Structures are given as structure tokens and as C-alpha cells.
Amino acid sequence: MRAVQRWRQRAPRFERARSPLTSTGSGTIFTAELLPSLERTMTKTKLVDLYRDYIACLNRQDWPNLGQFVARDAIHNERQIGLSGYIAMLERDFDDIPDLCFNVLMLVVDPPYLACRLSFDCTPKGEFLGIDVNGRRVTFAENVIYEFRDGKIVEVWSVVDKVAIEAQLQGER
């Protein structure tokens, strides 16, 4: 709900455009489209290239250069954590999962947004997402939507497929 409220606050960036769809005896029916009031500077291709460089930065654990991709006031799942909190979150992830590797399965791009399905095949050391994994190998996916502004990630919405992990571990019993 807060995401919708934030979008509405940013909505003045967009202006309503009307384009005629059909004419009827009583008048013209219009379809409304949201058009950016300012020209989009980030093309789909540039955004994909930027995102792939971001993923490579994560996989190298190149935290000093993460600021090239993530804004200083970044928001993750509706919590403002900033760049320092973002780095701390990733450091914890790599500490808990030493063989963590981000693999891009699918990308959908509509600047300034990018949606991605990431896959993971890894062995978390102990507890992961509240599940006692304890070094067992698991595979799972994460669905993530990013908002970019000025070439940097400003907001992230992330959902990890916890059910897939639980199902794998129950199958081992």
C-alpha cells in the first residue's frame, strides 16, 4: 500500500494524455495513457547493461563500487536502508551463504523499472529465512523489481521463494 502512495506522490512526473480511440454519436471516447513529462534518458538496452554490471559487482562482492549502482538513500522492501544498509545486507547474505551467486533467469525492462527473476543454487551455513538449512544445498528463485533514477537503484521490491526451499528440505527427510 505504501508503494502505491509513493507512486501517487511521484505521479506529477507524469501528465495525462488523451488520444482518440473511437467516435460515437454522443462524442469521442478517449483512452488515457501515462506519458513521462520529461524524456526518458535511460534506454532499455542501457538499463539491461547497467543491471548486468550490477549483478557482476554483487557476485565479485565489490562493495566499494556498489555505489555506482545503488543510490545513497536506497529503499529495500519499503524500508529506507541507504547504501550502507544495502551493503550490510549483502555482506550478511554472503557470510551466511559463502557460495552465493546471483544468476539472471529473466529480465523485463520498462524504464525506469526493471523486473528480474534470479536463481540461486547454494548451501546456506545455518538458518536461512527462518529455516534450518545447515549447509544443505538448496535451489530457489527470487523475484525482484527495481526502480532506477539517475542511473542508480533507488528502490527494490524483493520476494524469495521460501516455499521451494522448505519443499526441498522436507523431501530430504
Protein backbone atom coordinates (compact mmCIF):
# COMPACT_ATOMS: atom_id res chain seq x y z
CA MET A 1 0.00 0.00 0.00
CA ARG A 2 2.83 2.39 0.82
CA ALA A 3 4.33 1.73 -2.62
CA VAL A 4 1.09 2.92 -4.23
CA GLN A 5 1.08 6.01 -2.03
CA ARG A 6 4.68 6.77 -3.04
CA TRP A 7 3.77 6.29 -6.70
CA ARG A 8 0.88 8.71 -6.32
CA GLN A 9 3.23 11.23 -4.74
CA ARG A 10 5.53 10.88 -7.73
CA ALA A 11 2.63 10.89 -10.20
CA PRO A 12 3.05 14.60 -11.00
CA ARG A 13 6.08 13.46 -13.04
CA PHE A 14 3.50 12.12 -15.46
CA GLU A 15 0.89 14.02 -17.40
CA ARG A 16 -2.33 12.53 -18.67
CA ALA A 17 -2.50 12.41 -22.43
CA ARG A 18 -5.68 11.75 -24.29
CA SER A 19 -5.70 10.05 -27.63
CA PRO A 20 -8.94 9.45 -29.51
CA LEU A 21 -9.93 5.82 -29.70
CA THR A 22 -13.28 5.99 -31.48
CA SER A 23 -16.01 8.48 -32.22
CA THR A 24 -19.63 7.86 -31.34
CA GLY A 25 -22.80 9.80 -31.94
CA SER A 26 -22.56 11.26 -28.45
CA GLY A 27 -18.90 12.24 -28.67
CA THR A 28 -15.38 10.87 -28.72
CA ILE A 29 -14.20 8.06 -26.45
CA PHE A 30 -10.67 8.62 -25.19
CA THR A 31 -8.10 6.20 -23.89
CA ALA A 32 -5.75 7.57 -21.24
CA GLU A 33 -2.04 6.87 -21.28
CA LEU A 34 0.59 7.92 -18.80
CA LEU A 35 3.43 9.71 -20.53
CA PRO A 36 6.59 10.90 -18.83
CA SER A 37 6.63 14.66 -18.64
CA LEU A 38 10.39 14.51 -19.13
CA GLU A 39 12.07 12.45 -21.81
CA ARG A 40 13.39 9.10 -20.62
CA THR A 41 17.16 9.18 -20.69
CA MET A 42 17.78 5.53 -19.85
CA THR A 43 17.07 3.22 -22.79
CA LYS A 44 16.08 -0.40 -22.24
CA THR A 45 19.43 -1.58 -23.58
CA LYS A 46 21.41 0.75 -21.30
CA LEU A 47 19.34 -0.31 -18.30
CA VAL A 48 19.93 -4.01 -19.04
CA ASP A 49 23.67 -3.39 -19.42
CA LEU A 50 23.74 -1.41 -16.17
CA TYR A 51 21.85 -4.18 -14.36
CA ARG A 52 24.17 -6.91 -15.62
CA ASP A 53 27.14 -4.84 -14.42
CA TYR A 54 25.38 -4.51 -11.03
CA ILE A 55 24.93 -8.30 -10.82
CA ALA A 56 28.61 -8.81 -11.70
CA CYS A 57 29.52 -6.34 -8.91
CA LEU A 58 27.42 -8.38 -6.44
CA ASN A 59 29.00 -11.67 -7.49
CA ARG A 60 32.51 -10.17 -7.10
CA GLN A 61 31.44 -8.78 -3.70
CA ASP A 62 32.90 -5.48 -4.87
CA TRP A 63 31.30 -3.38 -2.12
CA PRO A 64 33.46 -0.25 -2.65
CA ASN A 65 31.99 0.07 -6.17
CA LEU A 66 28.37 -0.75 -5.29
CA GLY A 67 27.66 2.99 -5.02
CA GLN A 68 27.96 3.15 -8.83
CA PHE A 69 24.70 1.17 -8.96
CA VAL A 70 22.80 1.88 -5.72
CA ALA A 71 21.64 5.31 -4.54
CA ARG A 72 22.77 6.60 -1.14
CA ASP A 73 19.14 6.71 0.06
CA ALA A 74 18.05 3.33 -1.36
CA ILE A 75 14.85 1.67 -0.19
CA HIS A 76 14.54 -2.13 0.12
CA ASN A 77 11.10 -3.69 0.63
CA GLU A 78 9.69 -0.36 1.79
CA ARG A 79 12.48 0.23 4.35
CA GLN A 80 14.93 3.04 3.74
CA ILE A 81 18.28 1.36 4.36
CA GLY A 82 20.54 3.53 2.25
CA LEU A 83 23.70 2.37 0.51
CA SER A 84 25.41 1.44 3.79
CA GLY A 85 22.44 -0.71 4.84
CA TYR A 86 22.31 -2.28 1.38
CA ILE A 87 25.98 -3.24 1.63
CA ALA A 88 25.50 -4.58 5.18
CA MET A 89 22.55 -6.70 3.98
CA LEU A 90 24.64 -8.19 1.15
CA GLU A 91 27.63 -8.80 3.43
CA ARG A 92 25.35 -10.75 5.80
CA ASP A 93 23.96 -12.72 2.85
CA PHE A 94 27.46 -13.70 1.68
CA ASP A 95 28.55 -14.51 5.25
CA ASP A 96 25.53 -16.78 5.69
CA ILE A 97 25.84 -18.26 2.17
CA PRO A 98 29.54 -18.43 1.17
CA ASP A 99 28.77 -19.85 -2.30
CA LEU A 100 26.06 -17.29 -3.08
CA CYS A 101 25.90 -16.40 -6.76
CA PHE A 102 23.24 -14.26 -8.46
CA ASN A 103 22.06 -15.80 -11.75
CA VAL A 104 19.71 -13.88 -14.02
CA LEU A 105 16.94 -16.07 -15.43
CA MET A 106 14.60 -13.45 -16.82
CA LEU A 107 14.54 -9.67 -17.30
CA VAL A 108 11.64 -7.40 -18.15
CA VAL A 109 12.50 -3.75 -18.66
CA ASP A 110 10.26 -0.69 -18.80
CA PRO A 111 12.45 2.26 -17.78
CA PRO A 112 12.76 3.37 -15.07
CA TYR A 113 11.73 -0.10 -13.85
CA LEU A 114 13.44 -3.45 -14.28
CA ALA A 115 11.96 -6.76 -13.13
CA CYS A 116 14.14 -9.82 -12.75
CA ARG A 117 13.84 -13.45 -11.78
CA LEU A 118 17.07 -14.55 -10.14
CA SER A 119 18.04 -18.15 -9.46
CA PHE A 120 20.25 -19.50 -6.71
CA ASP A 121 21.89 -22.88 -6.16
CA CYS A 122 23.73 -22.63 -2.86
CA THR A 123 24.44 -24.01 0.61
CA PRO A 124 23.48 -21.64 3.43
CA LYS A 125 25.56 -22.35 6.57
CA GLY A 126 22.83 -22.28 9.19
CA GLU A 127 19.41 -20.71 9.31
CA PHE A 128 18.15 -19.01 6.17
CA LEU A 129 14.81 -17.15 6.03
CA GLY A 130 13.92 -18.75 9.34
CA ILE A 131 14.58 -22.25 8.01
CA ASP A 132 17.31 -24.53 9.41
CA VAL A 133 19.23 -25.28 6.22
CA ASN A 134 22.53 -26.08 7.99
CA GLY A 135 24.79 -26.50 4.98
CA ARG A 136 22.38 -28.44 2.79
CA ARG A 137 22.27 -27.47 -0.86
CA VAL A 138 19.09 -25.69 -1.97
CA THR A 139 17.87 -24.09 -5.18
CA PHE A 140 15.35 -21.28 -5.22
CA ALA A 141 14.31 -18.15 -7.06
CA GLU A 142 13.85 -14.52 -6.16
CA ASN A 143 11.56 -12.11 -7.99
CA VAL A 144 12.79 -8.54 -7.81
CA ILE A 145 11.56 -5.22 -9.16
CA TYR A 146 13.97 -2.29 -9.22
CA GLU A 147 13.33 1.38 -9.78
CA PHE A 148 16.23 3.35 -11.27
CA ARG A 149 16.78 7.09 -11.12
CA ASP A 150 19.82 8.90 -12.49
CA GLY A 151 21.36 5.53 -13.38
CA LYS A 152 21.11 4.10 -9.86
CA ILE A 153 18.80 1.76 -7.99
CA VAL A 154 16.57 3.85 -5.72
CA GLU A 155 14.02 1.23 -4.69
CA VAL A 156 13.85 -2.57 -4.59
CA TRP A 157 10.87 -4.87 -4.08
CA SER A 158 12.04 -8.46 -3.46
CA VAL A 159 10.30 -11.77 -2.81
CA VAL A 160 12.24 -15.02 -2.24
CA ASP A 161 10.56 -18.37 -2.94
CA LYS A 162 10.78 -19.71 0.62
CA VAL A 163 8.24 -22.46 -0.14
CA ALA A 164 10.63 -24.01 -2.68
CA ILE A 165 13.36 -24.23 -0.02
CA GLU A 166 11.00 -25.77 2.54
CA ALA A 167 9.78 -28.34 0.00
CA GLN A 168 13.34 -29.40 -0.85
CA LEU A 169 14.31 -29.84 2.78
CA GLN A 170 11.13 -31.79 3.60
CA GLY A 171 11.89 -34.10 0.68
CA GLU A 172 15.26 -34.98 2.27
CA ARG A 173 13.68 -36.32 5.46
